[in-house]
Structures are given as C-alpha cells and as structure tokens.
Amino acid sequence: MSPMKQTLPQLASTLAAMLALSACSGTTTPNDANFRKALEPVVSDIFCRTIPIQRMSLNDDLTQPFPIIVPVAPVEGADPDDARSRTLIEEAARDGLLRRTELNAPAKRADFTLPLTRQALISYTPTDRGKAYFRPVEAKTSSGMRAFPGVCAARGEIVDVVRWTDPADALGRTVSQVTFTYRGVEPLPALPENVRSKITQLEERTVTLVRTNDGWEAP
C-alpha cells in the first residue's frame, strides 16, 4: 500500500472530526457557551436602574446622560424620587464616585421648551472609580429607547446556565427557554449591609432567547 493510500483514511477522519467540532461550536447551537454569551449583556446590568431626577440642560442635546446637572435649589413640585436621587448622588460624590462641580450658567429644564436662564447649578460626573456604578441605562420613551443617567447597585454575574428547552418555533421565530443563576458582585460601597447581602445571594431566573443568524439573543 502506498503512503498516499495510508494517509487518505486518516485525512478523511481528521476532516470529519473538524467538521463535527465546527458544528458543535457554531454560534446558533443551543449550548452553555452560546447561551452564556447571549445572557451576559442582560445580566451585567440586572442591578442597574435609571436615576429619577429633574435634570437641567445647558443646550437642547440630551443624548449624553452624563454629567447629571441639577439646580442648586430643588425644582418646585418635583417628584419625591427627585429628593432621594439628589441624596444618592451627593453621597456618591462624598464617596469619590462622582465629581461634584458648582457652576453658574444659562440652563433650562431638560425636555422642556423653555428659554435658557442663568442660574446656580451642580454638575455630577462619574470618576474613574465611579464609572462602574454610574453609567448610561437605556429606557423606553414615547419616541423609542434612550439612554438616561443610571446607577448600578452591583455588577451582575452569571454563575451557571442550569438548563434550557429544545429550540422550538414560536410565531415564526426559533426560541429556547433558558434558566440560569446569577448574583451581584462588587456592590456599591455605600449600600447598607442588609442590601449588600441580598444582592450577593444566588438568584435563579428563566428568560426566552431567540435564535438569529448571528447566534442567540434576548428579545
């Protein structure tokens, strides 16, 4: 038997193994790695919320969530959450998570059609250490999704992809119900101990993932 004839079966076997490995590792295959990749963006911000606060604008551009600019004197008739949010960002500034700057400049209430008037303001910008906790969070508005100033009590971490259902058709889309466990890590320093303890506990959740040409994603 010639050397070529001896290597052909080996080559065929190697190619078959490579093709099988490629099929198993495709981005649309229902497996732990692919589901984990799809869940990570969801879980990383699972402890994040928008900050309900009446912001001031130095112009009409509200596409940038930070810095958070507020008047020195609270807005009359503001929602009770506004006062709590002001306390939150003041404490964060004292803890070195936000850089607090006082300024006097023309401004108006954000999202209101009003003329600019010069007034005393306070600007809060995340420091390098604070960027892990104070970052943009998207929320739905009447005109679509928009980024708002957000605060994260912790960074969400996937612990385990527990189980999933076989992919099935649902209204023309291929979906799978994926159950996973997660917890919060690196909690916000100023959190009370009972809140920190709850955040770092293991939690279980089930979400529906949709298969696309590029892999799996949360709707």
N, C-alpha and C. Protein backbone atom coordinates (compact mmCIF):
# COMPACT_ATOMS: atom_id res chain seq x y z
N MET A 1 0.85 -1.20 0.00
CA MET A 1 0.00 0.00 0.00
C MET A 1 0.89 1.24 0.00
N SER A 2 0.57 2.21 -0.87
CA SER A 2 1.39 3.41 -0.98
C SER A 2 1.17 4.31 0.22
N PRO A 3 2.14 5.22 0.52
CA PRO A 3 1.97 6.17 1.62
C PRO A 3 0.73 7.02 1.46
N MET A 4 0.35 7.43 0.21
CA MET A 4 -0.82 8.26 -0.01
C MET A 4 -2.09 7.51 0.40
N LYS A 5 -2.18 6.23 0.03
CA LYS A 5 -3.36 5.46 0.39
C LYS A 5 -3.47 5.28 1.90
N GLN A 6 -2.33 5.23 2.56
CA GLN A 6 -2.34 5.09 4.01
C GLN A 6 -2.83 6.36 4.69
N THR A 7 -2.56 7.53 4.14
CA THR A 7 -2.92 8.79 4.80
C THR A 7 -4.32 9.25 4.46
N LEU A 8 -4.91 8.80 3.37
CA LEU A 8 -6.23 9.26 2.98
C LEU A 8 -7.30 8.94 4.03
N PRO A 9 -7.35 7.72 4.56
CA PRO A 9 -8.34 7.45 5.61
C PRO A 9 -8.13 8.33 6.84
N GLN A 10 -6.84 8.55 7.16
CA GLN A 10 -6.55 9.41 8.32
C GLN A 10 -7.01 10.84 8.05
N LEU A 11 -6.76 11.32 6.82
CA LEU A 11 -7.17 12.67 6.46
C LEU A 11 -8.68 12.82 6.50
N ALA A 12 -9.38 11.81 5.98
CA ALA A 12 -10.85 11.84 5.98
C ALA A 12 -11.38 11.86 7.41
N SER A 13 -10.76 11.07 8.27
CA SER A 13 -11.18 11.02 9.67
C SER A 13 -10.96 12.37 10.36
N THR A 14 -9.82 13.00 10.07
CA THR A 14 -9.49 14.30 10.67
C THR A 14 -10.48 15.37 10.21
N LEU A 15 -10.79 15.37 8.91
CA LEU A 15 -11.73 16.36 8.38
C LEU A 15 -13.12 16.18 8.98
N ALA A 16 -13.54 14.93 9.14
CA ALA A 16 -14.85 14.66 9.73
C ALA A 16 -14.90 15.17 11.16
N ALA A 17 -13.81 14.96 11.90
CA ALA A 17 -13.77 15.43 13.29
C ALA A 17 -13.81 16.94 13.35
N MET A 18 -13.09 17.60 12.41
CA MET A 18 -13.08 19.06 12.39
C MET A 18 -14.46 19.61 12.06
N LEU A 19 -15.15 18.98 11.11
CA LEU A 19 -16.49 19.43 10.75
C LEU A 19 -17.46 19.24 11.90
N ALA A 20 -17.33 18.14 12.60
CA ALA A 20 -18.21 17.88 13.75
C ALA A 20 -17.96 18.90 14.84
N LEU A 21 -16.69 19.22 15.07
CA LEU A 21 -16.35 20.21 16.09
C LEU A 21 -16.88 21.56 15.71
N SER A 22 -16.77 21.90 14.42
CA SER A 22 -17.28 23.20 13.95
C SER A 22 -18.78 23.29 14.14
N ALA A 23 -19.48 22.20 13.86
CA ALA A 23 -20.94 22.21 14.01
C ALA A 23 -21.34 22.38 15.45
N CYS A 24 -20.58 21.75 16.35
CA CYS A 24 -20.92 21.82 17.77
C CYS A 24 -20.64 23.20 18.35
N SER A 25 -19.66 23.91 17.76
CA SER A 25 -19.26 25.19 18.33
C SER A 25 -19.88 26.38 17.59
N GLY A 26 -20.82 26.12 16.66
CA GLY A 26 -21.48 27.21 15.94
C GLY A 26 -22.24 28.10 16.90
N THR A 27 -22.38 29.37 16.51
CA THR A 27 -23.00 30.34 17.42
C THR A 27 -24.48 30.11 17.64
N THR A 28 -25.12 29.34 16.73
CA THR A 28 -26.56 29.10 16.88
C THR A 28 -26.87 27.79 17.60
N THR A 29 -25.83 27.03 17.93
CA THR A 29 -26.03 25.76 18.63
C THR A 29 -26.53 26.03 20.04
N PRO A 30 -27.57 25.33 20.49
CA PRO A 30 -28.02 25.51 21.88
C PRO A 30 -27.08 24.83 22.86
N ASN A 31 -26.18 25.61 23.44
CA ASN A 31 -25.25 25.06 24.44
C ASN A 31 -24.91 26.11 25.48
N ASP A 32 -24.20 25.69 26.49
CA ASP A 32 -23.87 26.56 27.62
C ASP A 32 -23.14 27.83 27.17
N ALA A 33 -22.12 27.66 26.34
CA ALA A 33 -21.30 28.81 25.94
C ALA A 33 -22.10 29.84 25.16
N ASN A 34 -22.91 29.39 24.20
CA ASN A 34 -23.68 30.33 23.39
C ASN A 34 -24.76 31.04 24.19
N PHE A 35 -25.43 30.31 25.08
CA PHE A 35 -26.45 30.94 25.91
C PHE A 35 -25.81 31.92 26.90
N ARG A 36 -24.68 31.55 27.44
CA ARG A 36 -23.99 32.44 28.38
C ARG A 36 -23.61 33.75 27.70
N LYS A 37 -23.13 33.65 26.46
CA LYS A 37 -22.76 34.86 25.71
C LYS A 37 -23.95 35.77 25.50
N ALA A 38 -25.13 35.16 25.21
CA ALA A 38 -26.33 35.96 24.98
C ALA A 38 -26.86 36.58 26.27
N LEU A 39 -26.65 35.90 27.39
CA LEU A 39 -27.18 36.37 28.67
C LEU A 39 -26.30 37.42 29.35
N GLU A 40 -25.02 37.41 29.06
CA GLU A 40 -24.10 38.30 29.78
C GLU A 40 -24.48 39.78 29.69
N PRO A 41 -24.86 40.31 28.50
CA PRO A 41 -25.26 41.72 28.46
C PRO A 41 -26.50 42.02 29.29
N VAL A 42 -27.41 41.05 29.39
CA VAL A 42 -28.62 41.23 30.19
C VAL A 42 -28.29 41.22 31.67
N VAL A 43 -27.48 40.25 32.07
CA VAL A 43 -27.19 40.07 33.49
C VAL A 43 -26.25 41.14 34.04
N SER A 44 -25.34 41.64 33.21
CA SER A 44 -24.38 42.63 33.70
C SER A 44 -25.06 43.88 34.23
N ASP A 45 -26.23 44.23 33.65
CA ASP A 45 -26.96 45.44 34.07
C ASP A 45 -28.22 45.12 34.86
N ILE A 46 -28.32 43.91 35.38
CA ILE A 46 -29.56 43.49 36.02
C ILE A 46 -29.82 44.26 37.32
N PHE A 47 -28.77 44.84 37.91
CA PHE A 47 -28.92 45.62 39.14
C PHE A 47 -28.86 47.12 38.86
N CYS A 48 -29.01 47.51 37.60
CA CYS A 48 -28.95 48.92 37.23
C CYS A 48 -30.36 49.51 37.06
N ARG A 49 -30.50 50.76 37.44
CA ARG A 49 -31.77 51.48 37.30
C ARG A 49 -31.48 52.91 36.84
N THR A 50 -32.44 53.48 36.14
CA THR A 50 -32.31 54.90 35.80
C THR A 50 -32.48 55.73 37.06
N ILE A 51 -31.88 56.91 37.08
CA ILE A 51 -31.97 57.79 38.24
C ILE A 51 -33.09 58.80 37.99
N PRO A 52 -34.19 58.70 38.75
CA PRO A 52 -35.31 59.63 38.54
C PRO A 52 -35.00 61.00 39.15
N ILE A 53 -34.53 61.89 38.33
CA ILE A 53 -34.14 63.22 38.81
C ILE A 53 -34.41 64.25 37.73
N GLN A 54 -34.83 65.44 38.16
CA GLN A 54 -35.09 66.52 37.23
C GLN A 54 -33.77 67.15 36.80
N ARG A 55 -33.37 66.86 35.58
CA ARG A 55 -32.09 67.34 35.08
C ARG A 55 -32.24 68.70 34.40
N MET A 56 -31.16 69.42 34.41
CA MET A 56 -31.08 70.68 33.69
C MET A 56 -30.21 70.49 32.46
N SER A 57 -30.48 71.28 31.43
CA SER A 57 -29.72 71.17 30.20
C SER A 57 -29.09 72.51 29.85
N LEU A 58 -27.83 72.48 29.45
CA LEU A 58 -27.15 73.70 29.03
C LEU A 58 -27.45 74.00 27.55
N ASN A 59 -28.07 73.04 26.88
CA ASN A 59 -28.47 73.20 25.48
C ASN A 59 -29.60 72.20 25.22
N ASP A 60 -29.91 71.97 24.00
CA ASP A 60 -31.02 71.05 23.67
C ASP A 60 -30.55 69.62 23.41
N ASP A 61 -29.27 69.33 23.63
CA ASP A 61 -28.75 67.99 23.38
C ASP A 61 -28.87 67.14 24.64
N LEU A 62 -29.80 66.17 24.59
CA LEU A 62 -29.99 65.28 25.75
C LEU A 62 -29.52 63.87 25.44
N THR A 63 -28.69 63.73 24.40
CA THR A 63 -28.22 62.40 24.04
C THR A 63 -27.14 61.90 24.99
N GLN A 64 -26.52 62.80 25.74
CA GLN A 64 -25.47 62.42 26.68
C GLN A 64 -26.04 62.37 28.10
N PRO A 65 -26.12 61.18 28.72
CA PRO A 65 -26.71 61.07 30.06
C PRO A 65 -25.90 61.77 31.15
N PHE A 66 -24.60 61.85 30.97
CA PHE A 66 -23.73 62.48 31.95
C PHE A 66 -22.99 63.64 31.31
N PRO A 67 -22.67 64.67 32.10
CA PRO A 67 -22.89 64.78 33.55
C PRO A 67 -24.37 64.99 33.91
N ILE A 68 -24.70 64.67 35.15
CA ILE A 68 -26.03 64.99 35.68
C ILE A 68 -25.96 66.43 36.19
N ILE A 69 -26.78 67.30 35.61
CA ILE A 69 -26.78 68.71 36.03
C ILE A 69 -28.12 69.02 36.68
N VAL A 70 -28.07 69.52 37.89
CA VAL A 70 -29.29 69.85 38.64
C VAL A 70 -29.15 71.27 39.19
N PRO A 71 -30.28 71.93 39.46
CA PRO A 71 -30.20 73.27 40.07
C PRO A 71 -29.80 73.15 41.53
N VAL A 72 -29.13 74.16 42.03
CA VAL A 72 -28.77 74.16 43.45
C VAL A 72 -30.03 74.07 44.31
N ALA A 73 -31.05 74.85 43.96
CA ALA A 73 -32.34 74.78 44.66
C ALA A 73 -33.21 73.74 43.96
N PRO A 74 -33.75 72.76 44.69
CA PRO A 74 -34.60 71.74 44.06
C PRO A 74 -35.75 72.37 43.28
N VAL A 75 -36.15 71.71 42.19
CA VAL A 75 -37.25 72.19 41.36
C VAL A 75 -38.55 72.11 42.15
N GLU A 76 -39.32 73.20 42.14
CA GLU A 76 -40.59 73.22 42.87
C GLU A 76 -41.56 72.23 42.25
N GLY A 77 -42.20 71.44 43.13
CA GLY A 77 -43.18 70.46 42.65
C GLY A 77 -42.57 69.20 42.07
N ALA A 78 -41.27 69.00 42.29
CA ALA A 78 -40.61 67.80 41.75
C ALA A 78 -41.12 66.55 42.45
N ASP A 79 -41.01 65.42 41.78
CA ASP A 79 -41.43 64.13 42.33
C ASP A 79 -40.61 63.81 43.58
N PRO A 80 -41.22 63.11 44.57
CA PRO A 80 -40.46 62.73 45.78
C PRO A 80 -39.19 61.95 45.48
N ASP A 81 -39.19 61.19 44.37
CA ASP A 81 -37.99 60.45 44.00
C ASP A 81 -36.83 61.38 43.68
N ASP A 82 -37.15 62.61 43.27
CA ASP A 82 -36.11 63.57 42.93
C ASP A 82 -35.24 63.86 44.15
N ALA A 83 -35.87 64.05 45.30
CA ALA A 83 -35.11 64.34 46.53
C ALA A 83 -34.24 63.16 46.92
N ARG A 84 -34.77 61.94 46.79
CA ARG A 84 -33.98 60.75 47.13
C ARG A 84 -32.80 60.60 46.18
N SER A 85 -33.02 60.93 44.91
CA SER A 85 -31.94 60.82 43.94
C SER A 85 -30.86 61.85 44.20
N ARG A 86 -31.26 63.05 44.63
CA ARG A 86 -30.27 64.08 44.94
C ARG A 86 -29.42 63.65 46.14
N THR A 87 -30.05 63.00 47.12
CA THR A 87 -29.31 62.49 48.28
C THR A 87 -28.33 61.41 47.83
N LEU A 88 -28.79 60.53 46.93
CA LEU A 88 -27.94 59.45 46.43
C LEU A 88 -26.69 60.00 45.75
N ILE A 89 -26.84 60.95 44.85
CA ILE A 89 -25.68 61.43 44.11
C ILE A 89 -24.78 62.29 44.99
N GLU A 90 -25.33 62.96 45.99
CA GLU A 90 -24.49 63.71 46.93
C GLU A 90 -23.61 62.75 47.73
N GLU A 91 -24.21 61.65 48.19
CA GLU A 91 -23.43 60.66 48.95
C GLU A 91 -22.36 60.02 48.06
N ALA A 92 -22.72 59.78 46.79
CA ALA A 92 -21.75 59.20 45.86
C ALA A 92 -20.59 60.16 45.62
N ALA A 93 -20.89 61.46 45.59
CA ALA A 93 -19.83 62.45 45.41
C ALA A 93 -18.90 62.46 46.63
N ARG A 94 -19.48 62.34 47.83
CA ARG A 94 -18.65 62.30 49.03
C ARG A 94 -17.78 61.04 49.07
N ASP A 95 -18.29 59.96 48.48
CA ASP A 95 -17.53 58.70 48.45
C ASP A 95 -16.52 58.65 47.30
N GLY A 96 -16.44 59.71 46.50
CA GLY A 96 -15.47 59.76 45.43
C GLY A 96 -15.90 59.05 44.15
N LEU A 97 -17.20 58.74 44.02
CA LEU A 97 -17.69 58.07 42.81
C LEU A 97 -18.15 59.07 41.75
N LEU A 98 -18.51 60.26 42.20
CA LEU A 98 -18.91 61.34 41.29
C LEU A 98 -18.09 62.58 41.59
N ARG A 99 -17.72 63.31 40.56
CA ARG A 99 -17.02 64.59 40.75
C ARG A 99 -18.05 65.69 40.75
N ARG A 100 -18.15 66.42 41.85
CA ARG A 100 -19.15 67.46 42.04
C ARG A 100 -18.56 68.82 41.68
N THR A 101 -19.23 69.54 40.77
CA THR A 101 -18.75 70.84 40.33
C THR A 101 -19.89 71.85 40.38
N GLU A 102 -19.68 72.97 41.04
CA GLU A 102 -20.68 74.03 41.07
C GLU A 102 -20.38 75.01 39.93
N LEU A 103 -21.44 75.45 39.26
CA LEU A 103 -21.26 76.39 38.16
C LEU A 103 -22.46 77.32 38.07
N ASN A 104 -22.27 78.40 37.39
CA ASN A 104 -23.34 79.36 37.14
C ASN A 104 -23.40 79.56 35.63
N ALA A 105 -24.49 79.10 35.03
CA ALA A 105 -24.54 79.10 33.57
C ALA A 105 -25.99 79.15 33.10
N PRO A 106 -26.22 79.59 31.85
CA PRO A 106 -27.57 79.54 31.27
C PRO A 106 -28.02 78.09 31.13
N ALA A 107 -29.23 77.78 31.59
CA ALA A 107 -29.73 76.41 31.51
C ALA A 107 -31.25 76.43 31.52
N LYS A 108 -31.83 75.30 31.21
CA LYS A 108 -33.28 75.13 31.27
C LYS A 108 -33.58 73.71 31.70
N ARG A 109 -34.83 73.47 32.09
CA ARG A 109 -35.22 72.12 32.47
C ARG A 109 -35.16 71.21 31.25
N ALA A 110 -34.53 70.07 31.44
CA ALA A 110 -34.41 69.13 30.33
C ALA A 110 -35.78 68.66 29.87
N ASP A 111 -35.91 68.48 28.57
CA ASP A 111 -37.16 68.02 27.94
C ASP A 111 -38.28 69.06 27.96
N PHE A 112 -37.95 70.30 28.31
CA PHE A 112 -38.96 71.36 28.30
C PHE A 112 -38.55 72.41 27.27
N THR A 113 -39.54 72.96 26.56
CA THR A 113 -39.27 74.02 25.59
C THR A 113 -39.32 75.35 26.33
N LEU A 114 -38.19 75.74 26.85
CA LEU A 114 -38.08 76.96 27.64
C LEU A 114 -36.82 77.71 27.23
N PRO A 115 -36.79 79.02 27.47
CA PRO A 115 -35.55 79.76 27.20
C PRO A 115 -34.49 79.45 28.25
N LEU A 116 -33.24 79.61 27.87
CA LEU A 116 -32.14 79.42 28.82
C LEU A 116 -32.09 80.62 29.75
N THR A 117 -31.94 80.36 31.06
CA THR A 117 -31.78 81.43 32.04
C THR A 117 -30.57 81.11 32.92
N ARG A 118 -29.79 82.12 33.22
CA ARG A 118 -28.58 81.89 34.03
C ARG A 118 -28.99 81.53 35.46
N GLN A 119 -28.38 80.51 36.01
CA GLN A 119 -28.73 80.05 37.36
C GLN A 119 -27.61 79.23 37.96
N ALA A 120 -27.70 79.05 39.29
CA ALA A 120 -26.71 78.26 40.01
C ALA A 120 -27.02 76.77 39.83
N LEU A 121 -25.99 76.02 39.43
CA LEU A 121 -26.16 74.60 39.11
C LEU A 121 -25.08 73.76 39.78
N ILE A 122 -25.35 72.46 39.84
CA ILE A 122 -24.35 71.49 40.30
C ILE A 122 -24.25 70.40 39.24
N SER A 123 -23.03 70.09 38.86
CA SER A 123 -22.77 69.07 37.85
C SER A 123 -22.10 67.87 38.51
N TYR A 124 -22.57 66.66 38.18
CA TYR A 124 -22.00 65.43 38.73
C TYR A 124 -21.51 64.55 37.58
N THR A 125 -20.22 64.26 37.58
CA THR A 125 -19.61 63.43 36.54
C THR A 125 -18.96 62.21 37.18
N PRO A 126 -19.19 61.00 36.66
CA PRO A 126 -18.56 59.81 37.25
C PRO A 126 -17.04 59.90 37.22
N THR A 127 -16.41 59.55 38.33
CA THR A 127 -14.95 59.44 38.36
C THR A 127 -14.56 58.09 37.76
N ASP A 128 -13.26 57.85 37.63
CA ASP A 128 -12.81 56.57 37.09
C ASP A 128 -13.35 55.42 37.94
N ARG A 129 -13.35 55.59 39.25
CA ARG A 129 -13.86 54.55 40.14
C ARG A 129 -15.38 54.46 40.07
N GLY A 130 -16.02 55.59 39.81
CA GLY A 130 -17.47 55.61 39.81
C GLY A 130 -18.12 55.13 38.53
N LYS A 131 -17.34 55.02 37.44
CA LYS A 131 -17.91 54.61 36.17
C LYS A 131 -18.48 53.20 36.20
N ALA A 132 -18.03 52.38 37.15
CA ALA A 132 -18.57 51.02 37.26
C ALA A 132 -19.98 51.03 37.81
N TYR A 133 -20.34 52.11 38.52
CA TYR A 133 -21.65 52.18 39.19
C TYR A 133 -22.58 53.21 38.55
N PHE A 134 -22.04 54.29 38.06
CA PHE A 134 -22.85 55.35 37.43
C PHE A 134 -22.55 55.34 35.94
N ARG A 135 -23.51 54.82 35.19
CA ARG A 135 -23.32 54.69 33.74
C ARG A 135 -24.67 54.78 33.04
N PRO A 136 -24.66 55.02 31.72
CA PRO A 136 -25.93 55.14 30.99
C PRO A 136 -26.75 53.86 31.06
N VAL A 137 -28.06 54.02 31.22
CA VAL A 137 -29.00 52.90 31.22
C VAL A 137 -30.11 53.25 30.24
N GLU A 138 -30.42 52.35 29.33
CA GLU A 138 -31.45 52.61 28.34
C GLU A 138 -32.84 52.34 28.90
N ALA A 139 -33.78 53.20 28.53
CA ALA A 139 -35.18 53.04 28.95
C ALA A 139 -36.08 53.45 27.79
N LYS A 140 -37.26 52.87 27.79
CA LYS A 140 -38.20 53.13 26.70
C LYS A 140 -38.91 54.47 26.92
N THR A 141 -39.02 55.27 25.88
CA THR A 141 -39.76 56.53 25.92
C THR A 141 -40.79 56.51 24.79
N SER A 142 -41.60 57.54 24.73
CA SER A 142 -42.63 57.61 23.68
C SER A 142 -42.03 57.67 22.29
N SER A 143 -40.76 58.11 22.20
CA SER A 143 -40.10 58.21 20.89
C SER A 143 -39.10 57.07 20.67
N GLY A 144 -39.11 56.07 21.56
CA GLY A 144 -38.19 54.95 21.41
C GLY A 144 -37.24 54.82 22.58
N MET A 145 -36.24 53.98 22.44
CA MET A 145 -35.26 53.77 23.51
C MET A 145 -34.30 54.95 23.58
N ARG A 146 -33.94 55.33 24.84
CA ARG A 146 -33.00 56.42 25.03
C ARG A 146 -32.16 56.17 26.27
N ALA A 147 -30.94 56.64 26.26
CA ALA A 147 -30.05 56.45 27.40
C ALA A 147 -30.28 57.54 28.44
N PHE A 148 -30.37 57.12 29.70
CA PHE A 148 -30.55 58.04 30.83
C PHE A 148 -29.43 57.80 31.84
N PRO A 149 -29.21 58.77 32.74
CA PRO A 149 -28.26 58.51 33.82
C PRO A 149 -28.73 57.32 34.64
N GLY A 150 -27.83 56.40 34.92
CA GLY A 150 -28.21 55.21 35.68
C GLY A 150 -27.24 54.94 36.81
N VAL A 151 -27.71 54.16 37.79
CA VAL A 151 -26.86 53.73 38.90
C VAL A 151 -27.01 52.23 39.03
N CYS A 152 -25.90 51.55 39.27
CA CYS A 152 -25.89 50.10 39.38
C CYS A 152 -25.48 49.72 40.80
N ALA A 153 -26.36 48.98 41.48
CA ALA A 153 -26.06 48.56 42.85
C ALA A 153 -24.93 47.54 42.87
N ALA A 154 -24.73 46.84 41.76
CA ALA A 154 -23.66 45.86 41.65
C ALA A 154 -23.54 45.45 40.18
N ARG A 155 -22.51 44.71 39.89
CA ARG A 155 -22.37 44.14 38.55
C ARG A 155 -22.92 42.72 38.58
N GLY A 156 -23.85 42.42 37.67
CA GLY A 156 -24.43 41.09 37.63
C GLY A 156 -23.48 40.08 37.02
N GLU A 157 -23.40 38.91 37.63
CA GLU A 157 -22.50 37.86 37.16
C GLU A 157 -23.27 36.55 37.01
N ILE A 158 -23.16 35.91 35.85
CA ILE A 158 -23.77 34.60 35.65
C ILE A 158 -22.96 33.56 36.41
N VAL A 159 -23.65 32.76 37.21
CA VAL A 159 -22.98 31.69 37.94
C VAL A 159 -23.08 30.39 37.16
N ASP A 160 -24.26 30.08 36.65
CA ASP A 160 -24.43 28.81 35.95
C ASP A 160 -25.62 28.89 34.99
N VAL A 161 -25.46 28.29 33.82
CA VAL A 161 -26.59 28.07 32.92
C VAL A 161 -27.15 26.71 33.29
N VAL A 162 -28.28 26.71 33.97
CA VAL A 162 -28.79 25.49 34.61
C VAL A 162 -29.40 24.52 33.60
N ARG A 163 -30.29 25.00 32.76
CA ARG A 163 -30.97 24.13 31.80
C ARG A 163 -31.61 24.99 30.72
N TRP A 164 -32.04 24.32 29.64
CA TRP A 164 -32.74 25.01 28.57
C TRP A 164 -33.65 24.03 27.86
N THR A 165 -34.66 24.57 27.18
CA THR A 165 -35.58 23.74 26.44
C THR A 165 -35.07 23.56 25.02
N ASP A 166 -35.52 22.50 24.38
CA ASP A 166 -35.14 22.30 22.98
C ASP A 166 -35.69 23.46 22.15
N PRO A 167 -34.91 23.96 21.20
CA PRO A 167 -35.39 25.06 20.35
C PRO A 167 -36.71 24.70 19.69
N ALA A 168 -37.64 25.66 19.69
CA ALA A 168 -38.97 25.42 19.13
C ALA A 168 -39.43 26.67 18.40
N ASP A 169 -40.37 26.48 17.49
CA ASP A 169 -40.91 27.60 16.71
C ASP A 169 -41.97 28.34 17.53
N ALA A 170 -41.89 29.65 17.53
CA ALA A 170 -42.88 30.49 18.21
C ALA A 170 -43.11 31.73 17.36
N LEU A 171 -44.25 31.75 16.67
CA LEU A 171 -44.60 32.89 15.82
C LEU A 171 -43.53 33.18 14.78
N GLY A 172 -43.00 32.10 14.21
CA GLY A 172 -42.02 32.27 13.15
C GLY A 172 -40.59 32.46 13.62
N ARG A 173 -40.37 32.44 14.94
CA ARG A 173 -39.02 32.56 15.46
C ARG A 173 -38.64 31.30 16.22
N THR A 174 -37.37 30.97 16.23
CA THR A 174 -36.89 29.82 16.99
C THR A 174 -36.44 30.31 18.36
N VAL A 175 -37.05 29.74 19.40
CA VAL A 175 -36.78 30.21 20.75
C VAL A 175 -36.41 29.05 21.67
N SER A 176 -35.81 29.41 22.79
CA SER A 176 -35.50 28.43 23.83
C SER A 176 -35.66 29.12 25.18
N GLN A 177 -36.25 28.41 26.14
CA GLN A 177 -36.39 28.92 27.50
C GLN A 177 -35.13 28.51 28.27
N VAL A 178 -34.37 29.51 28.69
CA VAL A 178 -33.09 29.25 29.35
C VAL A 178 -33.15 29.67 30.82
N THR A 179 -32.82 28.75 31.68
CA THR A 179 -32.79 29.03 33.13
C THR A 179 -31.34 29.15 33.59
N PHE A 180 -31.06 30.21 34.34
CA PHE A 180 -29.70 30.45 34.80
C PHE A 180 -29.70 31.00 36.22
N THR A 181 -28.56 30.93 36.86
CA THR A 181 -28.40 31.53 38.19
C THR A 181 -27.40 32.68 38.07
N TYR A 182 -27.60 33.69 38.91
CA TYR A 182 -26.73 34.86 38.88
C TYR A 182 -26.63 35.47 40.27
N ARG A 183 -25.71 36.40 40.43
CA ARG A 183 -25.56 37.13 41.69
C ARG A 183 -24.90 38.48 41.38
N GLY A 184 -24.94 39.36 42.37
CA GLY A 184 -24.27 40.65 42.22
C GLY A 184 -22.88 40.59 42.82
N VAL A 185 -21.92 41.17 42.13
CA VAL A 185 -20.54 41.25 42.63
C VAL A 185 -20.11 42.72 42.62
N GLU A 186 -19.11 43.03 43.44
CA GLU A 186 -18.59 44.39 43.57
C GLU A 186 -19.72 45.38 43.82
N PRO A 187 -20.50 45.17 44.89
CA PRO A 187 -21.64 46.07 45.16
C PRO A 187 -21.21 47.50 45.45
N LEU A 188 -22.14 48.41 45.25
CA LEU A 188 -21.92 49.84 45.52
C LEU A 188 -21.47 50.02 46.97
N PRO A 189 -20.35 50.69 47.20
CA PRO A 189 -19.79 50.79 48.55
C PRO A 189 -20.75 51.33 49.61
N ALA A 190 -21.61 52.28 49.24
CA ALA A 190 -22.47 52.93 50.23
C ALA A 190 -23.71 52.11 50.60
N LEU A 191 -23.90 50.95 49.99
CA LEU A 191 -25.11 50.17 50.27
C LEU A 191 -25.11 49.65 51.71
N PRO A 192 -26.28 49.67 52.38
CA PRO A 192 -26.37 49.07 53.71
C PRO A 192 -26.04 47.58 53.64
N GLU A 193 -25.56 47.03 54.74
CA GLU A 193 -25.11 45.65 54.76
C GLU A 193 -26.21 44.67 54.40
N ASN A 194 -27.45 44.94 54.84
CA ASN A 194 -28.54 44.00 54.52
C ASN A 194 -28.85 43.99 53.02
N VAL A 195 -28.68 45.14 52.36
CA VAL A 195 -28.91 45.21 50.92
C VAL A 195 -27.76 44.51 50.18
N ARG A 196 -26.53 44.74 50.62
CA ARG A 196 -25.37 44.09 50.01
C ARG A 196 -25.49 42.57 50.10
N SER A 197 -25.95 42.11 51.26
CA SER A 197 -26.09 40.68 51.47
C SER A 197 -27.12 40.08 50.52
N LYS A 198 -28.22 40.79 50.33
CA LYS A 198 -29.28 40.28 49.44
C LYS A 198 -28.81 40.25 48.00
N ILE A 199 -28.10 41.29 47.57
CA ILE A 199 -27.65 41.38 46.19
C ILE A 199 -26.66 40.26 45.86
N THR A 200 -25.83 39.90 46.79
CA THR A 200 -24.79 38.90 46.52
C THR A 200 -25.29 37.46 46.66
N GLN A 201 -26.55 37.29 47.04
CA GLN A 201 -27.12 35.95 47.13
C GLN A 201 -27.43 35.41 45.74
N LEU A 202 -27.38 34.09 45.62
CA LEU A 202 -27.66 33.44 44.35
C LEU A 202 -29.15 33.53 44.02
N GLU A 203 -29.47 33.93 42.78
CA GLU A 203 -30.85 34.01 42.32
C GLU A 203 -30.99 33.20 41.03
N GLU A 204 -32.20 32.70 40.78
CA GLU A 204 -32.46 31.95 39.56
C GLU A 204 -33.51 32.67 38.72
N ARG A 205 -33.32 32.63 37.42
CA ARG A 205 -34.26 33.29 36.53
C ARG A 205 -34.34 32.53 35.21
N THR A 206 -35.50 32.61 34.56
CA THR A 206 -35.69 31.98 33.25
C THR A 206 -36.08 33.06 32.24
N VAL A 207 -35.40 33.07 31.10
CA VAL A 207 -35.70 34.04 30.05
C VAL A 207 -35.86 33.30 28.72
N THR A 208 -36.50 33.96 27.79
CA THR A 208 -36.65 33.42 26.44
C THR A 208 -35.56 34.01 25.55
N LEU A 209 -34.78 33.15 24.91
CA LEU A 209 -33.77 33.60 23.97
C LEU A 209 -34.23 33.25 22.56
N VAL A 210 -33.92 34.13 21.63
CA VAL A 210 -34.32 33.97 20.23
C VAL A 210 -33.08 33.68 19.38
N ARG A 211 -33.21 32.70 18.51
CA ARG A 211 -32.08 32.37 17.63
C ARG A 211 -32.09 33.27 16.40
N THR A 212 -30.95 33.89 16.11
CA THR A 212 -30.78 34.72 14.92
C THR A 212 -29.66 34.13 14.08
N ASN A 213 -29.38 34.75 12.96
CA ASN A 213 -28.29 34.27 12.10
C ASN A 213 -26.94 34.39 12.78
N ASP A 214 -26.83 35.33 13.73
CA ASP A 214 -25.56 35.56 14.42
C ASP A 214 -25.46 34.85 15.76
N GLY A 215 -26.50 34.15 16.15
CA GLY A 215 -26.47 33.48 17.45
C GLY A 215 -27.75 33.70 18.20
N TRP A 216 -27.68 33.57 19.51
CA TRP A 216 -28.85 33.73 20.37
C TRP A 216 -28.85 35.11 21.00
N GLU A 217 -30.05 35.66 21.22
CA GLU A 217 -30.13 36.97 21.86
C GLU A 217 -31.45 37.10 22.63
N ALA A 218 -31.42 37.96 23.64
CA ALA A 218 -32.64 38.24 24.40
C ALA A 218 -33.46 39.25 23.63
N PRO A 219 -34.79 39.05 23.52
CA PRO A 219 -35.61 40.00 22.76
C PRO A 219 -35.67 41.35 23.45
